Amino acid sequence: ACVQVNLLSGGVESSIEQEFPYEMNEDGVYTPLVFHKVIPNRTYQLTISNIPGDIDASIVGYTAVPDTFSTLSQVQDSVVYQSENQIEIDITPSENSERQSYFVFTTISQ
């Protein structure tokens, strides 16, 4: 398959600003040919074409990268599970207040 990620100039319907082709290292595993650090508040497009078994098929997907944020309060380095002392994190506001934000936290129990 031919796999490419494109940085778009605006939203989903905008033109391609920069292209990042990928190459297949082994079946189903692709790596970028060009290093690119993802830019906050931008839209990217994934295109997959020349799919084995269905050369005429293609897949196109889009993702909008959220803006950056920082914590405004000190984050505790440990808490006791189900204690009254719960984790609370204050963060900077998003530039795009129209979108809902989701945060995923990873924990380690000891």
C-alpha atoms as a PDB file:
ATOM      1  CA  ALA A   1       0.000   0.000   0.000  1.00  0.00           C
ATOM      2  CA  CYS A   2       0.993   3.610  -0.493  1.00  0.00           C
ATOM      3  CA  VAL A   3       0.746   5.502   2.826  1.00  0.00           C
ATOM      4  CA  GLN A   4       1.122   9.252   3.300  1.00  0.00           C
ATOM      5  CA  VAL A   5       0.322  11.838   5.983  1.00  0.00           C
ATOM      6  CA  ASN A   6      -0.387  15.384   4.824  1.00  0.00           C
ATOM      7  CA  LEU A   7      -0.322  18.603   6.821  1.00  0.00           C
ATOM      8  CA  LEU A   8      -3.264  20.681   5.620  1.00  0.00           C
ATOM      9  CA  SER A   9      -3.214  24.459   5.268  1.00  0.00           C
ATOM     10  CA  GLY A  10      -6.476  24.809   7.212  1.00  0.00           C
ATOM     11  CA  GLY A  11      -9.376  22.469   7.923  1.00  0.00           C
ATOM     12  CA  VAL A  12     -10.477  19.249   6.250  1.00  0.00           C
ATOM     13  CA  GLU A  13     -11.371  20.854   2.901  1.00  0.00           C
ATOM     14  CA  SER A  14      -8.110  22.862   2.605  1.00  0.00           C
ATOM     15  CA  SER A  15      -5.071  22.245   0.415  1.00  0.00           C
ATOM     16  CA  ILE A  16      -2.004  20.178   1.296  1.00  0.00           C
ATOM     17  CA  GLU A  17       0.765  22.295   2.807  1.00  0.00           C
ATOM     18  CA  GLN A  18       3.342  19.550   3.346  1.00  0.00           C
ATOM     19  CA  GLU A  19       3.526  15.821   2.501  1.00  0.00           C
ATOM     20  CA  PHE A  20       5.087  13.044   4.586  1.00  0.00           C
ATOM     21  CA  PRO A  21       5.415   9.748   2.696  1.00  0.00           C
ATOM     22  CA  TYR A  22       5.814   6.457   4.545  1.00  0.00           C
ATOM     23  CA  GLU A  23       7.554   3.247   3.523  1.00  0.00           C
ATOM     24  CA  MET A  24       6.697  -0.307   4.480  1.00  0.00           C
ATOM     25  CA  ASN A  25       9.393  -2.000   6.593  1.00  0.00           C
ATOM     26  CA  GLU A  26       7.500  -5.272   6.966  1.00  0.00           C
ATOM     27  CA  ASP A  27       3.920  -6.382   6.375  1.00  0.00           C
ATOM     28  CA  GLY A  28       1.639  -3.784   7.969  1.00  0.00           C
ATOM     29  CA  VAL A  29       4.472  -1.716   9.496  1.00  0.00           C
ATOM     30  CA  TYR A  30       5.172   1.693   7.947  1.00  0.00           C
ATOM     31  CA  THR A  31       7.687   4.356   8.978  1.00  0.00           C
ATOM     32  CA  PRO A  32       7.969   7.983   7.817  1.00  0.00           C
ATOM     33  CA  LEU A  33      10.661   8.918   5.312  1.00  0.00           C
ATOM     34  CA  VAL A  34      10.827  12.453   6.753  1.00  0.00           C
ATOM     35  CA  PHE A  35      10.865  13.432  10.446  1.00  0.00           C
ATOM     36  CA  HIS A  36       8.082  15.830  11.418  1.00  0.00           C
ATOM     37  CA  LYS A  37       7.092  17.082  14.850  1.00  0.00           C
ATOM     38  CA  VAL A  38       3.292  17.341  15.008  1.00  0.00           C
ATOM     39  CA  ILE A  39       2.100  20.946  15.173  1.00  0.00           C
ATOM     40  CA  PRO A  40      -0.644  21.910  17.661  1.00  0.00           C
ATOM     41  CA  ASN A  41      -3.905  23.392  16.330  1.00  0.00           C
ATOM     42  CA  ARG A  42      -3.396  21.894  12.865  1.00  0.00           C
ATOM     43  CA  THR A  43      -5.253  19.338  10.750  1.00  0.00           C
ATOM     44  CA  TYR A  44      -3.567  16.271   9.262  1.00  0.00           C
ATOM     45  CA  GLN A  45      -4.816  13.886   6.584  1.00  0.00           C
ATOM     46  CA  LEU A  46      -3.914  10.193   6.297  1.00  0.00           C
ATOM     47  CA  THR A  47      -4.193   8.679   2.814  1.00  0.00           C
ATOM     48  CA  ILE A  48      -3.769   5.002   1.968  1.00  0.00           C
ATOM     49  CA  SER A  49      -3.957   3.859  -1.647  1.00  0.00           C
ATOM     50  CA  ASN A  50      -2.863   0.918  -3.817  1.00  0.00           C
ATOM     51  CA  ILE A  51      -4.200  -1.441  -1.169  1.00  0.00           C
ATOM     52  CA  PRO A  52      -3.182  -5.053  -1.907  1.00  0.00           C
ATOM     53  CA  GLY A  53      -6.189  -7.063  -3.026  1.00  0.00           C
ATOM     54  CA  ASP A  54      -8.094  -3.909  -4.039  1.00  0.00           C
ATOM     55  CA  ILE A  55      -5.776  -1.553  -5.920  1.00  0.00           C
ATOM     56  CA  ASP A  56      -8.645   0.834  -6.774  1.00  0.00           C
ATOM     57  CA  ALA A  57      -9.656   1.294  -3.128  1.00  0.00           C
ATOM     58  CA  SER A  58      -8.383   4.108  -0.946  1.00  0.00           C
ATOM     59  CA  ILE A  59      -8.741   5.188   2.655  1.00  0.00           C
ATOM     60  CA  VAL A  60      -8.677   8.822   3.787  1.00  0.00           C
ATOM     61  CA  GLY A  61      -8.824   9.999   7.397  1.00  0.00           C
ATOM     62  CA  TYR A  62      -8.414  13.329   9.182  1.00  0.00           C
ATOM     63  CA  THR A  63      -7.360  14.392  12.648  1.00  0.00           C
ATOM     64  CA  ALA A  64      -7.339  17.806  14.308  1.00  0.00           C
ATOM     65  CA  VAL A  65      -4.461  18.158  16.748  1.00  0.00           C
ATOM     66  CA  PRO A  66      -5.409  19.975  19.966  1.00  0.00           C
ATOM     67  CA  ASP A  67      -3.429  22.963  21.126  1.00  0.00           C
ATOM     68  CA  THR A  68      -0.785  22.708  23.819  1.00  0.00           C
ATOM     69  CA  PHE A  69      -1.558  23.186  27.479  1.00  0.00           C
ATOM     70  CA  SER A  70       0.287  23.541  30.765  1.00  0.00           C
ATOM     71  CA  THR A  71      -0.601  22.730  34.333  1.00  0.00           C
ATOM     72  CA  LEU A  72      -1.337  25.764  36.490  1.00  0.00           C
ATOM     73  CA  SER A  73      -1.186  23.950  39.807  1.00  0.00           C
ATOM     74  CA  GLN A  74       1.356  21.601  41.278  1.00  0.00           C
ATOM     75  CA  VAL A  75       0.573  17.969  40.434  1.00  0.00           C
ATOM     76  CA  GLN A  76       0.835  15.490  43.277  1.00  0.00           C
ATOM     77  CA  ASP A  77       3.330  12.705  42.629  1.00  0.00           C
ATOM     78  CA  SER A  78       1.339  10.142  44.619  1.00  0.00           C
ATOM     79  CA  VAL A  79      -2.170   9.612  46.005  1.00  0.00           C
ATOM     80  CA  VAL A  80      -3.894   6.823  47.883  1.00  0.00           C
ATOM     81  CA  TYR A  81      -6.554   4.932  45.918  1.00  0.00           C
ATOM     82  CA  GLN A  82     -10.118   5.841  46.987  1.00  0.00           C
ATOM     83  CA  SER A  83      -8.894   8.290  49.628  1.00  0.00           C
ATOM     84  CA  GLU A  84     -10.563  11.645  50.265  1.00  0.00           C
ATOM     85  CA  ASN A  85      -7.484  13.321  48.784  1.00  0.00           C
ATOM     86  CA  GLN A  86      -8.287  13.143  45.035  1.00  0.00           C
ATOM     87  CA  ILE A  87      -6.150  14.254  42.118  1.00  0.00           C
ATOM     88  CA  GLU A  88      -7.090  17.693  40.813  1.00  0.00           C
ATOM     89  CA  ILE A  89      -5.217  19.370  37.985  1.00  0.00           C
ATOM     90  CA  ASP A  90      -5.786  22.951  36.785  1.00  0.00           C
ATOM     91  CA  ILE A  91      -4.685  23.568  33.207  1.00  0.00           C
ATOM     92  CA  THR A  92      -4.455  26.548  30.877  1.00  0.00           C
ATOM     93  CA  PRO A  93      -7.580  27.169  28.767  1.00  0.00           C
ATOM     94  CA  SER A  94      -7.778  25.931  25.189  1.00  0.00           C
ATOM     95  CA  GLU A  95      -7.611  28.417  22.321  1.00  0.00           C
ATOM     96  CA  ASN A  96     -10.528  26.544  20.743  1.00  0.00           C
ATOM     97  CA  SER A  97     -13.289  26.674  23.328  1.00  0.00           C
ATOM     98  CA  GLU A  98     -15.821  25.138  20.904  1.00  0.00           C
ATOM     99  CA  ARG A  99     -14.280  21.646  21.113  1.00  0.00           C
ATOM    100  CA  GLN A 100     -14.541  19.347  24.086  1.00  0.00           C
ATOM    101  CA  SER A 101     -11.207  18.147  25.470  1.00  0.00           C
ATOM    102  CA  TYR A 102     -10.417  14.660  26.687  1.00  0.00           C
ATOM    103  CA  PHE A 103      -7.395  13.798  28.779  1.00  0.00           C
ATOM    104  CA  VAL A 104      -5.950  10.345  29.328  1.00  0.00           C
ATOM    105  CA  PHE A 105      -3.806   9.709  32.393  1.00  0.00           C
ATOM    106  CA  THR A 106      -1.639   6.686  33.038  1.00  0.00           C
ATOM    107  CA  THR A 107      -1.148   5.468  36.586  1.00  0.00           C
ATOM    108  CA  ILE A 108       1.215   3.047  38.246  1.00  0.00           C
ATOM    109  CA  SER A 109       0.089   1.235  41.387  1.00  0.00           C
ATOM    110  CA  GLN A 110       2.475   0.017  44.018  1.00  0.00           C
END
